[in-house]
C-alpha atoms as a PDB file:
ATOM      1  CA  MET A   1      46.922 -17.582  24.335  1.00  0.00           C
ATOM      2  CA  ILE A   2      46.205 -20.862  21.152  1.00  0.00           C
ATOM      3  CA  TYR A   3      49.715 -21.796  21.337  1.00  0.00           C
ATOM      4  CA  SER A   4      49.367 -22.456  25.344  1.00  0.00           C
ATOM      5  CA  THR A   5      46.274 -23.809  24.919  1.00  0.00           C
ATOM      6  CA  LEU A   6      47.341 -26.227  22.712  1.00  0.00           C
ATOM      7  CA  LEU A   7      50.404 -27.519  24.173  1.00  0.00           C
ATOM      8  CA  LYS A   8      47.776 -28.461  27.158  1.00  0.00           C
ATOM      9  CA  ALA A   9      45.718 -30.396  24.951  1.00  0.00           C
ATOM     10  CA  ILE A  10      48.473 -32.142  23.396  1.00  0.00           C
ATOM     11  CA  ARG A  11      49.850 -32.755  26.816  1.00  0.00           C
ATOM     12  CA  GLN A  12      47.075 -34.445  28.512  1.00  0.00           C
ATOM     13  CA  ALA A  13      46.259 -36.931  25.111  1.00  0.00           C
ATOM     14  CA  ALA A  14      49.444 -38.258  24.877  1.00  0.00           C
ATOM     15  CA  THR A  15      49.878 -39.161  28.698  1.00  0.00           C
ATOM     16  CA  GLY A  16      46.137 -39.496  30.080  1.00  0.00           C
ATOM     17  CA  ARG A  17      45.766 -37.742  32.807  1.00  0.00           C
ATOM     18  CA  SER A  18      42.633 -39.465  34.139  1.00  0.00           C
ATOM     19  CA  THR A  19      44.942 -42.098  34.508  1.00  0.00           C
ATOM     20  CA  ILE A  20      47.379 -40.665  36.409  1.00  0.00           C
ATOM     21  CA  GLU A  21      45.188 -39.500  38.919  1.00  0.00           C
ATOM     22  CA  ARG A  22      43.644 -42.497  39.340  1.00  0.00           C
ATOM     23  CA  ARG A  23      46.766 -43.897  40.168  1.00  0.00           C
ATOM     24  CA  GLU A  24      47.576 -41.346  42.218  1.00  0.00           C
ATOM     25  CA  LEU A  25      44.633 -41.696  44.207  1.00  0.00           C
ATOM     26  CA  GLU A  26      45.614 -45.550  44.629  1.00  0.00           C
ATOM     27  CA  ARG A  27      50.158 -45.084  45.394  1.00  0.00           C
ATOM     28  CA  VAL A  28      49.480 -42.493  48.848  1.00  0.00           C
ATOM     29  CA  VAL A  29      50.638 -44.197  52.288  1.00  0.00           C
ATOM     30  CA  PRO A  30      49.659 -41.544  54.339  1.00  0.00           C
ATOM     31  CA  GLY A  31      53.316 -40.586  56.181  1.00  0.00           C
ATOM     32  CA  ALA A  32      54.748 -41.782  53.836  1.00  0.00           C
ATOM     33  CA  GLY A  33      56.096 -38.220  53.269  1.00  0.00           C
ATOM     34  CA  LEU A  34      55.007 -34.600  51.541  1.00  0.00           C
ATOM     35  CA  VAL A  35      55.883 -32.907  48.249  1.00  0.00           C
ATOM     36  CA  LEU A  36      54.728 -29.286  47.902  1.00  0.00           C
ATOM     37  CA  LEU A  37      55.338 -28.110  44.178  1.00  0.00           C
ATOM     38  CA  ALA A  38      54.882 -25.082  42.555  1.00  0.00           C
ATOM     39  CA  ASP A  39      54.942 -24.456  38.839  1.00  0.00           C
ATOM     40  CA  GLY A  40      56.169 -22.046  36.803  1.00  0.00           C
ATOM     41  CA  VAL A  41      54.038 -19.282  35.072  1.00  0.00           C
ATOM     42  CA  GLY A  42      51.000 -19.524  32.814  1.00  0.00           C
ATOM     43  CA  GLY A  43      49.028 -21.825  34.580  1.00  0.00           C
ATOM     44  CA  LEU A  44      49.979 -25.129  32.264  1.00  0.00           C
ATOM     45  CA  ASP A  45      50.584 -27.358  35.213  1.00  0.00           C
ATOM     46  CA  LEU A  46      53.444 -29.482  33.148  1.00  0.00           C
ATOM     47  CA  CYS A  47      56.046 -30.109  36.273  1.00  0.00           C
ATOM     48  CA  GLY A  48      52.962 -30.806  38.017  1.00  0.00           C
ATOM     49  CA  PHE A  49      51.828 -33.313  36.073  1.00  0.00           C
ATOM     50  CA  GLY A  50      55.051 -34.943  34.593  1.00  0.00           C
ATOM     51  CA  MET A  51      55.857 -35.015  39.309  1.00  0.00           C
ATOM     52  CA  LYS A  52      51.688 -37.071  39.155  1.00  0.00           C
ATOM     53  CA  LYS A  53      53.335 -39.295  36.403  1.00  0.00           C
ATOM     54  CA  ALA A  54      56.817 -39.711  37.211  1.00  0.00           C
ATOM     55  CA  LEU A  55      55.756 -41.294  40.775  1.00  0.00           C
ATOM     56  CA  ALA A  56      52.912 -43.441  40.064  1.00  0.00           C
ATOM     57  CA  ASP A  57      55.073 -44.884  37.558  1.00  0.00           C
ATOM     58  CA  ILE A  58      57.366 -45.690  40.470  1.00  0.00           C
ATOM     59  CA  ASN A  59      54.412 -46.327  42.587  1.00  0.00           C
ATOM     60  CA  SER A  60      56.205 -44.185  45.289  1.00  0.00           C
ATOM     61  CA  PRO A  61      54.129 -43.342  48.391  1.00  0.00           C
ATOM     62  CA  LEU A  62      55.016 -40.103  48.800  1.00  0.00           C
ATOM     63  CA  GLU A  63      52.269 -37.351  48.555  1.00  0.00           C
ATOM     64  CA  LEU A  64      51.935 -34.795  46.070  1.00  0.00           C
ATOM     65  CA  HIS A  65      50.319 -31.492  45.973  1.00  0.00           C
ATOM     66  CA  VAL A  66      50.600 -29.075  42.941  1.00  0.00           C
ATOM     67  CA  ILE A  67      50.384 -25.464  44.721  1.00  0.00           C
ATOM     68  CA  ASN A  68      48.089 -23.843  42.393  1.00  0.00           C
ATOM     69  CA  TRP A  69      49.357 -20.185  42.699  1.00  0.00           C
ATOM     70  CA  CYS A  70      48.840 -18.746  39.183  1.00  0.00           C
ATOM     71  CA  HIS A  71      46.812 -16.132  37.787  1.00  0.00           C
ATOM     72  CA  GLY A  72      44.735 -18.238  35.486  1.00  0.00           C
ATOM     73  CA  HIS A  73      45.875 -20.374  31.882  1.00  0.00           C
ATOM     74  CA  GLY A  74      47.811 -18.024  30.024  1.00  0.00           C
ATOM     75  CA  ARG A  75      48.271 -15.559  32.678  1.00  0.00           C
ATOM     76  CA  TRP A  76      52.127 -15.736  33.006  1.00  0.00           C
ATOM     77  CA  PHE A  77      52.979 -11.693  33.002  1.00  0.00           C
ATOM     78  CA  ALA A  78      50.972 -11.164  35.945  1.00  0.00           C
ATOM     79  CA  ASP A  79      52.323 -13.960  37.641  1.00  0.00           C
ATOM     80  CA  LEU A  80      55.321 -13.290  37.029  1.00  0.00           C
ATOM     81  CA  THR A  81      55.067 -10.012  38.521  1.00  0.00           C
ATOM     82  CA  ASP A  82      52.937  -9.944  41.411  1.00  0.00           C
ATOM     83  CA  THR A  83      54.811 -10.307  44.077  1.00  0.00           C
ATOM     84  CA  ALA A  84      51.742 -10.053  46.667  1.00  0.00           C
ATOM     85  CA  ASN A  85      50.792 -12.980  45.581  1.00  0.00           C
ATOM     86  CA  HIS A  86      53.723 -14.679  45.291  1.00  0.00           C
ATOM     87  CA  ARG A  87      54.664 -14.143  49.068  1.00  0.00           C
ATOM     88  CA  ARG A  88      50.492 -15.102  49.992  1.00  0.00           C
ATOM     89  CA  PHE A  89      51.016 -18.478  48.550  1.00  0.00           C
ATOM     90  CA  ALA A  90      53.944 -18.835  49.014  1.00  0.00           C
ATOM     91  CA  ASP A  91      53.237 -18.430  53.392  1.00  0.00           C
ATOM     92  CA  ALA A  92      50.111 -20.974  52.439  1.00  0.00           C
ATOM     93  CA  VAL A  93      53.012 -23.568  51.290  1.00  0.00           C
ATOM     94  CA  ALA A  94      54.763 -22.335  55.037  1.00  0.00           C
ATOM     95  CA  ALA A  95      50.976 -23.378  56.499  1.00  0.00           C
ATOM     96  CA  GLN A  96      50.978 -26.519  54.494  1.00  0.00           C
ATOM     97  CA  ALA A  97      54.269 -27.966  55.648  1.00  0.00           C
ATOM     98  CA  ILE A  98      53.636 -26.715  59.233  1.00  0.00           C
ATOM     99  CA  GLU A  99      50.361 -28.754  59.350  1.00  0.00           C
ATOM    100  CA  TYR A 100      52.025 -31.726  58.486  1.00  0.00           C
ATOM    101  CA  ARG A 101      54.732 -31.785  60.205  1.00  0.00           C
ATOM    102  CA  ASP A 102      52.393 -31.616  63.244  1.00  0.00           C
ATOM    103  CA  ARG A 103      50.721 -34.188  62.258  1.00  0.00           C
ATOM    104  CA  TYR A 104      53.315 -36.155  61.252  1.00  0.00           C
ATOM    105  CA  PRO A 105      56.587 -35.083  63.414  1.00  0.00           C
ATOM    106  CA  ALA A 106      59.398 -37.858  61.349  1.00  0.00           C
ATOM    107  CA  ALA A 107      57.923 -37.589  57.713  1.00  0.00           C
ATOM    108  CA  PRO A 108      60.307 -35.685  55.465  1.00  0.00           C
ATOM    109  CA  ILE A 109      58.576 -33.240  53.702  1.00  0.00           C
ATOM    110  CA  HIS A 110      60.320 -31.546  49.832  1.00  0.00           C
ATOM    111  CA  LEU A 111      59.987 -28.335  48.119  1.00  0.00           C
ATOM    112  CA  ILE A 112      60.245 -28.361  44.715  1.00  0.00           C
ATOM    113  CA  GLY A 113      59.895 -24.897  42.955  1.00  0.00           C
ATOM    114  CA  LYS A 114      59.716 -25.224  38.838  1.00  0.00           C
ATOM    115  CA  SER A 115      60.759 -21.404  36.697  1.00  0.00           C
ATOM    116  CA  GLY A 116      58.316 -18.885  38.130  1.00  0.00           C
ATOM    117  CA  GLY A 117      57.064 -20.721  40.558  1.00  0.00           C
ATOM    118  CA  SER A 118      60.804 -20.993  42.470  1.00  0.00           C
ATOM    119  CA  ALA A 119      59.897 -17.869  44.188  1.00  0.00           C
ATOM    120  CA  VAL A 120      57.332 -18.865  46.286  1.00  0.00           C
ATOM    121  CA  ILE A 121      58.870 -21.829  47.499  1.00  0.00           C
ATOM    122  CA  VAL A 122      62.221 -19.183  48.137  1.00  0.00           C
ATOM    123  CA  LYS A 123      59.809 -17.591  50.188  1.00  0.00           C
ATOM    124  CA  ALA A 124      58.380 -20.456  51.728  1.00  0.00           C
ATOM    125  CA  LEU A 125      61.227 -21.649  52.634  1.00  0.00           C
ATOM    126  CA  GLU A 126      62.388 -18.496  54.290  1.00  0.00           C
ATOM    127  CA  SER A 127      59.894 -18.270  56.462  1.00  0.00           C
ATOM    128  CA  LEU A 128      59.688 -22.182  58.353  1.00  0.00           C
ATOM    129  CA  PRO A 129      62.225 -22.974  60.968  1.00  0.00           C
ATOM    130  CA  ARG A 130      65.073 -24.494  60.999  1.00  0.00           C
ATOM    131  CA  ASP A 131      66.257 -28.137  59.375  1.00  0.00           C
ATOM    132  CA  PHE A 132      62.536 -27.758  59.449  1.00  0.00           C
ATOM    133  CA  VAL A 133      62.520 -29.600  55.185  1.00  0.00           C
ATOM    134  CA  GLN A 134      64.353 -32.249  54.278  1.00  0.00           C
ATOM    135  CA  THR A 135      65.091 -31.625  50.573  1.00  0.00           C
ATOM    136  CA  SER A 136      64.591 -29.301  47.788  1.00  0.00           C
ATOM    137  CA  VAL A 137      65.051 -28.683  44.677  1.00  0.00           C
ATOM    138  CA  LEU A 138      64.101 -25.751  41.995  1.00  0.00           C
ATOM    139  CA  LEU A 139      63.942 -26.615  38.311  1.00  0.00           C
ATOM    140  CA  ALA A 140      65.541 -23.729  36.323  1.00  0.00           C
ATOM    141  CA  PRO A 141      64.682 -21.559  38.250  1.00  0.00           C
ATOM    142  CA  ALA A 142      63.502 -17.957  37.001  1.00  0.00           C
ATOM    143  CA  LEU A 143      64.941 -15.818  40.026  1.00  0.00           C
ATOM    144  CA  ALA A 144      67.800 -13.710  39.639  1.00  0.00           C
ATOM    145  CA  SER A 145      71.525 -15.888  39.856  1.00  0.00           C
ATOM    146  CA  ARG A 146      72.716 -13.007  42.241  1.00  0.00           C
ATOM    147  CA  TYR A 147      69.550 -13.661  44.874  1.00  0.00           C
ATOM    148  CA  ASP A 148      70.086 -14.489  48.562  1.00  0.00           C
ATOM    149  CA  LEU A 149      69.987 -18.235  49.292  1.00  0.00           C
ATOM    150  CA  SER A 150      71.009 -17.966  52.438  1.00  0.00           C
ATOM    151  CA  ARG A 151      68.290 -17.634  54.794  1.00  0.00           C
ATOM    152  CA  ALA A 152      66.119 -20.735  52.261  1.00  0.00           C
ATOM    153  CA  LEU A 153      68.949 -22.479  52.500  1.00  0.00           C
ATOM    154  CA  ARG A 154      68.918 -22.983  56.608  1.00  0.00           C
ATOM    155  CA  ALA A 155      64.997 -24.164  56.051  1.00  0.00           C
ATOM    156  CA  VAL A 156      67.130 -27.407  54.252  1.00  0.00           C
ATOM    157  CA  GLU A 157      68.069 -30.424  56.325  1.00  0.00           C
ATOM    158  CA  HIS A 158      69.815 -31.807  54.013  1.00  0.00           C
ATOM    159  CA  LYS A 159      70.533 -29.935  50.266  1.00  0.00           C
ATOM    160  CA  MET A 160      68.566 -28.044  48.059  1.00  0.00           C
ATOM    161  CA  TYR A 161      69.719 -28.802  44.772  1.00  0.00           C
ATOM    162  CA  VAL A 162      69.378 -26.604  41.629  1.00  0.00           C
ATOM    163  CA  TYR A 163      69.384 -27.597  37.630  1.00  0.00           C
ATOM    164  CA  TRP A 164      70.161 -25.325  35.318  1.00  0.00           C
ATOM    165  CA  SER A 165      70.398 -25.145  31.726  1.00  0.00           C
ATOM    166  CA  PRO A 166      73.054 -22.673  29.449  1.00  0.00           C
ATOM    167  CA  TYR A 167      70.982 -24.038  26.631  1.00  0.00           C
ATOM    168  CA  ASP A 168      67.235 -21.842  28.230  1.00  0.00           C
ATOM    169  CA  VAL A 169      68.418 -19.273  26.484  1.00  0.00           C
ATOM    170  CA  PHE A 170      64.680 -17.928  25.272  1.00  0.00           C
ATOM    171  CA  ILE A 171      62.858 -17.560  28.331  1.00  0.00           C
ATOM    172  CA  LEU A 172      65.058 -17.602  31.501  1.00  0.00           C
ATOM    173  CA  GLY A 173      68.046 -15.370  28.954  1.00  0.00           C
ATOM    174  CA  VAL A 174      66.052 -13.168  26.981  1.00  0.00           C
ATOM    175  CA  GLY A 175      62.503 -13.529  28.673  1.00  0.00           C
ATOM    176  CA  THR A 176      64.087 -12.023  32.409  1.00  0.00           C
ATOM    177  CA  ARG A 177      66.340  -9.525  30.770  1.00  0.00           C
ATOM    178  CA  VAL A 178      63.150  -7.925  28.511  1.00  0.00           C
ATOM    179  CA  PHE A 179      60.334  -8.721  31.320  1.00  0.00           C
ATOM    180  CA  GLY A 180      61.962  -9.313  35.259  1.00  0.00           C
ATOM    181  CA  THR A 181      63.343 -11.855  37.153  1.00  0.00           C
ATOM    182  CA  VAL A 182      60.319 -13.602  39.037  1.00  0.00           C
ATOM    183  CA  ASP A 183      61.958 -11.477  41.461  1.00  0.00           C
ATOM    184  CA  ARG A 184      61.793  -8.440  40.331  1.00  0.00           C
ATOM    185  CA  ARG A 185      65.583  -8.000  38.429  1.00  0.00           C
ATOM    186  CA  LYS A 186      66.195  -7.501  34.624  1.00  0.00           C
ATOM    187  CA  SER A 187      69.112 -10.274  34.084  1.00  0.00           C
ATOM    188  CA  TYR A 188      70.235 -13.227  33.703  1.00  0.00           C
ATOM    189  CA  ALA A 189      68.282 -15.984  35.928  1.00  0.00           C
ATOM    190  CA  ALA A 190      69.443 -18.523  37.918  1.00  0.00           C
ATOM    191  CA  GLY A 191      68.154 -21.290  36.131  1.00  0.00           C
ATOM    192  CA  LEU A 192      70.623 -19.717  32.775  1.00  0.00           C
ATOM    193  CA  THR A 193      73.951 -18.978  34.985  1.00  0.00           C
ATOM    194  CA  SER A 194      73.263 -21.328  38.064  1.00  0.00           C
ATOM    195  CA  PHE A 195      72.995 -18.732  41.253  1.00  0.00           C
ATOM    196  CA  GLN A 196      76.200 -16.825  42.467  1.00  0.00           C
ATOM    197  CA  LEU A 197      78.719 -18.300  45.479  1.00  0.00           C
ATOM    198  CA  PRO A 198      79.335 -15.417  48.049  1.00  0.00           C
ATOM    199  CA  ASP A 199      82.801 -14.987  48.513  1.00  0.00           C
ATOM    200  CA  GLU A 200      84.084 -17.732  51.920  1.00  0.00           C
ATOM    201  CA  SER A 201      86.831 -15.324  52.947  1.00  0.00           C
ATOM    202  CA  ALA A 202      84.379 -12.374  52.934  1.00  0.00           C
ATOM    203  CA  ASP A 203      81.388 -14.058  54.398  1.00  0.00           C
ATOM    204  CA  PRO A 204      82.717 -17.293  55.938  1.00  0.00           C
ATOM    205  CA  ASP A 205      78.992 -17.271  57.581  1.00  0.00           C
ATOM    206  CA  ARG A 206      76.970 -17.720  54.618  1.00  0.00           C
ATOM    207  CA  ALA A 207      79.422 -19.610  52.961  1.00  0.00           C
ATOM    208  CA  ALA A 208      78.828 -22.348  55.299  1.00  0.00           C
ATOM    209  CA  VAL A 209      75.033 -22.028  54.960  1.00  0.00           C
ATOM    210  CA  TYR A 210      75.914 -22.268  50.754  1.00  0.00           C
ATOM    211  CA  ALA A 211      77.403 -25.942  51.517  1.00  0.00           C
ATOM    212  CA  LYS A 212      73.978 -27.281  50.892  1.00  0.00           C
ATOM    213  CA  LEU A 213      73.427 -25.573  47.919  1.00  0.00           C
ATOM    214  CA  ARG A 214      74.216 -28.394  44.681  1.00  0.00           C
ATOM    215  CA  GLN A 215      73.824 -27.054  41.693  1.00  0.00           C
ATOM    216  CA  VAL A 216      73.489 -28.616  38.258  1.00  0.00           C
ATOM    217  CA  ARG A 217      74.274 -28.073  34.954  1.00  0.00           C
ATOM    218  CA  TRP A 218      72.048 -30.175  31.917  1.00  0.00           C
ATOM    219  CA  ARG A 219      74.189 -32.836  30.577  1.00  0.00           C
ATOM    220  CA  SER A 220      73.982 -33.727  27.030  1.00  0.00           C
ATOM    221  CA  GLU A 221      72.990 -37.798  28.139  1.00  0.00           C
ATOM    222  CA  MET A 222      70.188 -35.872  29.884  1.00  0.00           C
ATOM    223  CA  ALA A 223      68.349 -35.915  26.511  1.00  0.00           C
ATOM    224  CA  SER A 224      67.825 -39.526  26.806  1.00  0.00           C
ATOM    225  CA  THR A 225      64.898 -38.785  29.372  1.00  0.00           C
ATOM    226  CA  GLY A 226      63.293 -36.077  27.530  1.00  0.00           C
ATOM    227  CA  ASN A 227      65.391 -33.182  28.682  1.00  0.00           C
ATOM    228  CA  LEU A 228      66.792 -31.501  25.331  1.00  0.00           C
ATOM    229  CA  GLY A 229      68.068 -28.495  28.122  1.00  0.00           C
ATOM    230  CA  GLY A 230      65.568 -26.178  26.723  1.00  0.00           C
ATOM    231  CA  HIS A 231      63.194 -24.879  29.283  1.00  0.00           C
ATOM    232  CA  ILE A 232      60.098 -27.077  29.828  1.00  0.00           C
ATOM    233  CA  GLY A 233      62.677 -29.350  29.777  1.00  0.00           C
ATOM    234  CA  PRO A 234      63.309 -30.419  33.557  1.00  0.00           C
ATOM    235  CA  ASP A 235      58.727 -30.726  32.975  1.00  0.00           C
ATOM    236  CA  ASN A 236      59.553 -33.964  31.641  1.00  0.00           C
ATOM    237  CA  PRO A 237      58.873 -37.037  33.282  1.00  0.00           C
ATOM    238  CA  GLY A 238      61.517 -39.628  32.615  1.00  0.00           C
ATOM    239  CA  PHE A 239      63.543 -36.826  33.628  1.00  0.00           C
ATOM    240  CA  LEU A 240      61.150 -36.562  36.544  1.00  0.00           C
ATOM    241  CA  LYS A 241      61.896 -39.472  37.555  1.00  0.00           C
ATOM    242  CA  LYS A 242      65.558 -40.685  36.820  1.00  0.00           C
ATOM    243  CA  TYR A 243      67.408 -37.787  38.491  1.00  0.00           C
ATOM    244  CA  ILE A 244      64.601 -35.469  40.887  1.00  0.00           C
ATOM    245  CA  VAL A 245      62.350 -38.532  41.915  1.00  0.00           C
ATOM    246  CA  PRO A 246      65.956 -40.251  43.868  1.00  0.00           C
ATOM    247  CA  LEU A 247      65.997 -37.498  45.898  1.00  0.00           C
ATOM    248  CA  LEU A 248      62.513 -37.951  47.599  1.00  0.00           C
ATOM    249  CA  SER A 249      63.213 -41.480  48.556  1.00  0.00           C
ATOM    250  CA  SER A 250      62.185 -42.879  51.650  1.00  0.00           C
ATOM    251  CA  THR A 251      61.538 -45.846  53.104  1.00  0.00           C
ATOM    252  CA  ASP A 252      59.406 -45.749  56.330  1.00  0.00           C
ATOM    253  CA  ARG A 253      56.160 -44.823  57.048  1.00  0.00           C
ATOM    254  CA  ILE A 254      55.198 -42.456  59.997  1.00  0.00           C
ATOM    255  CA  GLU A 255      52.139 -42.547  62.016  1.00  0.00           C
ATOM    256  CA  PRO A 256      49.887 -39.625  62.872  1.00  0.00           C
ATOM    257  CA  LEU A 257      50.651 -38.047  66.273  1.00  0.00           C
ATOM    258  CA  GLU A 258      48.886 -39.317  69.133  1.00  0.00           C
ATOM    259  CA  SER A 259      49.350 -38.301  72.464  1.00  0.00           C
ATOM    260  CA  GLY A 260      52.173 -36.712  71.818  1.00  0.00           C
ATOM    261  CA  ARG A 261      54.104 -39.300  70.460  1.00  0.00           C
ATOM    262  CA  SER A 262      54.542 -40.190  66.620  1.00  0.00           C
ATOM    263  CA  ARG A 263      55.449 -44.651  65.632  1.00  0.00           C
ATOM    264  CA  SER A 264      57.541 -45.546  62.798  1.00  0.00           C
ATOM    265  CA  LEU A 265      55.975 -48.950  61.060  1.00  0.00           C
ATOM    266  CA  GLU A 266      58.423 -51.542  58.501  1.00  0.00           C
END
């Protein structure tokens, strides 16, 4: 608890939360696209804040909503084990995505999950229609490596990117073996080993859906962005700006739906 509080205080002092949030209000362009992000357990909001800074640094017009799904600051075990809470917030994410699509029918929607938040995002995808979101990104997912992503992948139009690291041993190796993954299996998490792929010969239909999946292993050149391969590496704004934000790029602005149609602006 003391460590978590200190870490959050240092992060806020180092990056200037008030400045970033002011720039957040200034940069968003209605209809440019929506990013829904579910952070990891414990309520630290490291990845959410990192993404706000990354988008602000490039003056991205994308609208970012960080889902406040955790039980409270430091309550990581409740966040990890409360599967009903995962479902409840997954439904809220899906509803928010549908509401945005109703307002901006041609605008892109992107879903991002970090660590334990990957359960919220994946379950939201599982309840959405086919090809509903453009892109999904899972950063150091705390789901079991054998979790079946096929239902979630059907809701993704383009790609789902999974960033994993074989050096995330303490949290997604030892931690999930002792306390369990967010889908309640005592096993290594996909953020440590990547997700297992289906056997194409045994299940060709499922394998075809997995063609949308891109799994990206941590590489040494990522260290220059502040991602050293550990669990909080993907939270770094430099990493997010270089590797994740480009996956969400969109240049079109879409006006709200009026009179049953939408219009794209240059």
